[in-house]
Protein backbone atom coordinates (compact mmCIF):
# COMPACT_ATOMS: atom_id res chain seq x y z
CA MET A 1 0.14 -0.10 -0.05
CA GLU A 2 1.38 3.33 -0.93
CA SER A 3 2.51 5.13 2.33
CA ARG A 4 1.46 9.31 2.35
CA GLN A 5 5.24 9.83 2.40
CA GLN A 6 5.12 8.20 -1.29
CA ARG A 7 1.80 10.02 -2.52
CA ALA A 8 2.83 13.28 -1.42
CA ARG A 9 6.31 13.03 -3.60
CA ARG A 10 4.18 11.75 -6.53
CA GLN A 11 1.84 14.89 -6.38
CA PRO A 12 3.08 18.42 -7.69
CA THR A 13 3.85 20.63 -5.33
CA ARG A 14 2.19 24.37 -5.34
CA ALA A 15 6.17 25.50 -6.36
CA MET A 16 6.07 23.26 -9.10
CA ALA A 17 2.45 24.25 -10.24
CA TYR A 18 3.98 28.01 -10.61
CA SER A 19 6.84 27.04 -12.56
CA ILE A 20 4.59 25.88 -15.09
CA PRO A 21 4.15 28.12 -17.50
CA GLU A 22 0.74 28.97 -18.55
CA PRO A 23 -0.11 29.96 -22.10
CA ARG A 24 -0.51 33.93 -21.84
CA GLN A 25 -0.92 34.99 -24.98
CA GLY A 26 -3.40 36.00 -27.64
CA TYR A 27 -6.45 38.73 -27.36
CA ASP A 28 -8.24 36.29 -25.50
CA VAL A 29 -6.35 35.65 -22.47
CA ALA A 30 -5.66 39.95 -22.73
CA ALA A 31 -9.45 40.58 -22.65
CA GLY A 32 -9.90 38.06 -19.60
CA TRP A 33 -7.40 39.58 -17.65
CA ILE A 34 -8.75 43.01 -18.15
CA ALA A 35 -12.15 41.75 -17.70
CA SER A 36 -11.05 39.86 -13.93
CA ASP A 37 -10.16 43.44 -12.42
CA ARG A 38 -14.19 43.85 -10.72
CA ASP A 39 -13.33 47.33 -10.31
CA GLY A 40 -12.74 47.50 -14.17
CA ASP A 41 -9.87 49.66 -13.77
CA THR A 42 -7.32 48.05 -16.46
CA PHE A 43 -10.05 49.20 -19.20
CA ILE A 44 -6.91 51.00 -20.40
CA PHE A 45 -6.98 51.71 -24.54
CA ARG A 46 -5.37 54.54 -26.75
CA LYS A 47 -7.35 57.22 -28.10
CA PHE A 48 -5.04 57.72 -31.36
CA GLY A 49 -5.13 61.70 -30.60
CA GLU A 50 -2.99 62.17 -33.71
CA LEU A 51 -5.29 59.62 -36.21
CA THR A 52 -8.60 61.34 -35.35
CA ALA A 53 -7.40 64.63 -35.92
CA ARG A 54 -5.99 63.75 -38.97
CA THR A 55 -9.43 62.16 -39.45
CA LEU A 56 -11.22 65.24 -38.69
CA LEU A 57 -8.93 67.77 -40.79
CA TYR A 58 -10.04 65.16 -44.13
CA MET A 59 -13.64 65.85 -42.74
CA GLN A 60 -12.85 69.46 -42.55
CA SER A 61 -11.13 69.82 -46.21
CA GLU A 62 -13.33 68.33 -47.83
CA LEU A 63 -16.20 70.36 -46.10
CA ILE A 64 -14.81 73.53 -47.10
CA SER A 65 -14.34 72.45 -50.69
CA LEU A 66 -18.46 71.53 -50.95
CA GLU A 67 -18.49 75.30 -49.22
CA GLU A 68 -16.77 76.35 -52.56
CA GLU A 69 -18.60 74.77 -54.78
CA VAL A 70 -21.79 76.27 -53.14
CA ARG A 71 -20.26 80.02 -53.13
CA LYS A 72 -19.47 79.38 -56.92
CA LEU A 73 -22.73 78.05 -57.44
CA ASP A 74 -24.60 80.60 -55.75
CA ALA A 75 -22.39 83.08 -58.05
CA GLU A 76 -23.57 81.58 -61.44
CA ILE A 77 -27.43 81.60 -60.24
CA ALA A 78 -27.06 85.01 -59.16
CA ARG A 79 -24.96 86.09 -62.65
CA SER A 80 -28.22 84.51 -64.75
CA ASP A 81 -30.51 85.93 -66.48
CA ASN A 82 -32.84 83.28 -65.74
CA ILE A 83 -35.62 84.21 -63.74
CA GLU A 84 -37.10 81.14 -62.97
CA LEU A 85 -33.39 79.77 -62.16
CA GLN A 86 -33.20 82.58 -60.03
CA ASP A 87 -36.49 81.93 -58.02
CA ALA A 88 -35.31 78.35 -57.31
CA ALA A 89 -32.48 80.27 -55.73
CA TRP A 90 -35.13 81.09 -52.40
CA ALA A 91 -37.98 79.20 -52.68
CA TRP A 92 -37.66 75.22 -52.05
CA GLU A 93 -40.99 74.05 -54.19
CA ALA A 94 -39.41 76.27 -56.66
CA LEU A 95 -35.99 74.11 -56.97
CA GLN A 96 -38.22 70.59 -56.45
CA GLU A 97 -39.58 71.57 -59.76
CA ARG A 98 -36.94 72.63 -61.82
CA HIS A 99 -35.16 69.39 -60.75
CA LYS A 100 -37.97 67.24 -61.52
CA SER A 101 -38.44 69.15 -65.28
CA GLY A 102 -34.58 67.76 -65.89
CA ASP A 103 -33.02 71.37 -64.86
CA ALA A 104 -28.96 70.70 -65.58
CA THR A 105 -28.69 73.68 -62.68
CA ALA A 106 -31.42 72.61 -60.37
CA ARG A 107 -30.13 68.85 -60.27
CA LYS A 108 -26.58 70.29 -59.68
CA GLN A 109 -27.98 72.10 -56.75
CA ILE A 110 -29.49 69.57 -55.29
CA LYS A 111 -26.82 66.87 -55.45
CA LEU A 112 -24.46 69.11 -53.74
CA ILE A 113 -27.29 70.05 -51.08
CA TYR A 114 -27.68 66.59 -50.33
CA ARG A 115 -23.75 65.88 -50.21
CA LEU A 116 -23.25 68.24 -47.67
CA ARG A 117 -26.28 67.34 -45.61
CA SER A 118 -24.59 63.89 -45.35
CA LYS A 119 -21.21 65.01 -44.95
CA LEU A 120 -21.97 67.75 -42.11
CA LYS A 121 -24.03 65.11 -40.79
CA GLU A 122 -20.91 62.93 -40.38
CA TYR A 123 -18.55 65.67 -39.54
CA HIS A 124 -20.69 66.73 -36.51
CA GLU A 125 -21.09 63.59 -35.40
CA ALA A 126 -17.33 63.05 -35.41
CA LEU A 127 -16.71 66.21 -33.30
CA LEU A 128 -19.09 65.05 -30.55
CA ARG A 129 -17.86 61.90 -30.45
CA GLN A 130 -14.19 63.30 -30.18
CA ALA A 131 -15.42 65.74 -27.47
CA ASP A 132 -16.56 62.60 -25.38
CA VAL A 133 -12.96 60.82 -26.20
CA ALA A 134 -11.61 64.19 -24.82
CA ARG A 135 -13.53 63.75 -21.51
CA LEU A 136 -11.98 60.42 -20.63
CA ASN A 137 -10.29 60.22 -18.35
CA ARG A 138 -6.20 59.50 -17.86
CA VAL A 139 -4.88 56.51 -16.83
CA ASP A 140 -3.43 55.99 -13.13
CA ARG A 141 0.46 55.46 -12.99
CA ARG A 142 -0.32 52.84 -10.85
CA VAL A 143 -2.50 51.12 -13.11
CA LEU A 144 -0.36 51.74 -15.70
CA ASP A 145 2.27 50.23 -14.09
CA VAL A 146 0.72 47.31 -12.82
CA SER A 147 -0.73 46.51 -16.70
CA ARG A 148 2.10 46.96 -18.31
CA VAL A 149 4.05 44.39 -16.49
CA TRP A 150 1.56 42.06 -17.04
CA PHE A 151 1.21 43.16 -20.77
CA HIS A 152 5.04 42.90 -21.56
CA GLY A 153 5.28 39.87 -19.02
CA GLY A 154 7.70 41.37 -16.52
CA GLU A 155 9.53 44.89 -16.51
CA VAL A 156 10.92 46.12 -20.29
CA GLY A 157 15.03 45.50 -20.22
CA ILE A 158 17.48 48.52 -20.38
CA ASP A 159 16.88 47.86 -24.12
CA GLY A 160 13.59 48.45 -24.37
CA LYS A 161 12.88 44.96 -25.21
CA LYS A 162 9.31 42.83 -23.93
CA PRO A 163 10.03 39.60 -21.93
CA SER A 164 7.03 37.83 -23.16
CA PRO A 165 4.30 40.38 -24.50
CA VAL A 166 0.91 38.63 -24.47
CA LEU A 167 0.02 40.59 -27.89
CA GLY A 168 2.26 40.08 -30.72
CA GLY A 169 3.18 42.62 -34.03
CA SER A 170 2.62 46.35 -33.09
CA ALA A 171 0.05 45.85 -30.43
CA LYS A 172 2.61 44.66 -27.93
CA ASN A 173 2.99 48.55 -28.03
CA PHE A 174 0.03 49.74 -27.39
CA LEU A 175 0.74 50.95 -23.55
CA ASP A 176 3.90 52.55 -24.76
CA ASP A 177 2.43 56.18 -25.17
CA ASP A 178 1.42 57.50 -21.70
CA GLU A 179 -0.25 60.26 -23.45
CA ASP A 180 -2.19 58.33 -25.84
CA LEU A 181 -4.22 56.45 -23.26
CA VAL A 182 -7.57 56.94 -21.52
CA ALA A 183 -8.94 54.64 -18.51
CA LEU A 184 -12.51 54.38 -18.96
CA LYS A 185 -13.24 54.21 -15.54
CA ALA A 186 -13.58 57.38 -13.82
CA PRO A 187 -10.96 58.46 -10.95
CA ALA A 188 -11.84 57.00 -7.50
CA ASP A 189 -11.36 60.26 -5.91
CA THR A 190 -13.69 62.89 -7.98
CA ASP A 191 -15.16 64.15 -5.65
CA PRO A 192 -14.19 65.87 -2.07
CA LEU A 193 -15.71 62.67 -0.09
CA SER A 194 -13.69 60.48 -2.01
CA ARG A 195 -10.62 62.18 -1.51
CA PHE A 196 -11.22 62.85 2.05
CA LEU A 197 -11.45 59.33 2.33
CA ARG A 198 -8.94 58.60 0.81
CA LYS A 199 -6.31 60.94 2.98
CA HIS A 200 -7.12 59.64 5.89
CA TRP A 201 -7.47 55.97 5.25
CA PRO A 202 -4.60 55.57 3.10
CA ALA A 203 -4.78 52.05 3.48
CA LYS A 204 -7.74 52.01 1.07
CA VAL A 205 -5.23 53.00 -1.63
CA ARG A 206 -2.70 49.90 -0.32
CA SER A 207 -5.27 47.40 -0.57
CA GLY A 208 -6.10 49.02 -4.10
CA ALA A 209 -3.18 48.36 -5.32
CA ARG A 210 -2.04 45.19 -3.49
CA ARG A 211 -5.47 44.28 -5.87
CA LEU A 212 -4.13 45.33 -8.74
CA TRP A 213 -0.46 43.55 -8.22
CA CYS A 214 -2.41 40.20 -7.55
CA LEU A 215 -3.80 40.65 -11.12
CA LEU A 216 -0.10 39.49 -11.82
CA LEU A 217 -0.21 36.11 -10.59
């Protein structure tokens, strides 16, 4: 009959279990780790500020071009001797009638109006979305430190190499730029009461830090 000592030698110890590396690469693993923080502190993402600015500039430039087309068409109609065409410049019904009759200028004008409406809607929606993003919070330093250690598979070396990144390709660098990161969770000390509690009960802060570092295990 097998003795207790023999069974103990045969069974893996906790140290042995920790020595066996578990697979920790891929988007499923990363998503699971982010979602595992019950307080949502680890929901950190890039805001792509430069790309957003470029996109808004392109959209703005497209509207500036459309604006020039509108002005040129207005000037063309103002110079025209066609009374019906001039009527269409201030009466929507007249413009619709000329459009239905197949008038080339009216068709051009209607097409321009619909393009302008669509592009303005797209542009304004983009501005409002960016305004929402701009109001998102900066990332807490301790949360960022923990996230970097986990996503990089350890501390980054002096050569800048990440030991064992969870995500591959260019995505492994998504936490590198502090200024381009946002936290989806609001800071815990945004109101006076929370600041008072964190000041007089600092253990709460230490507890939060311990909780985050535990996520590295």
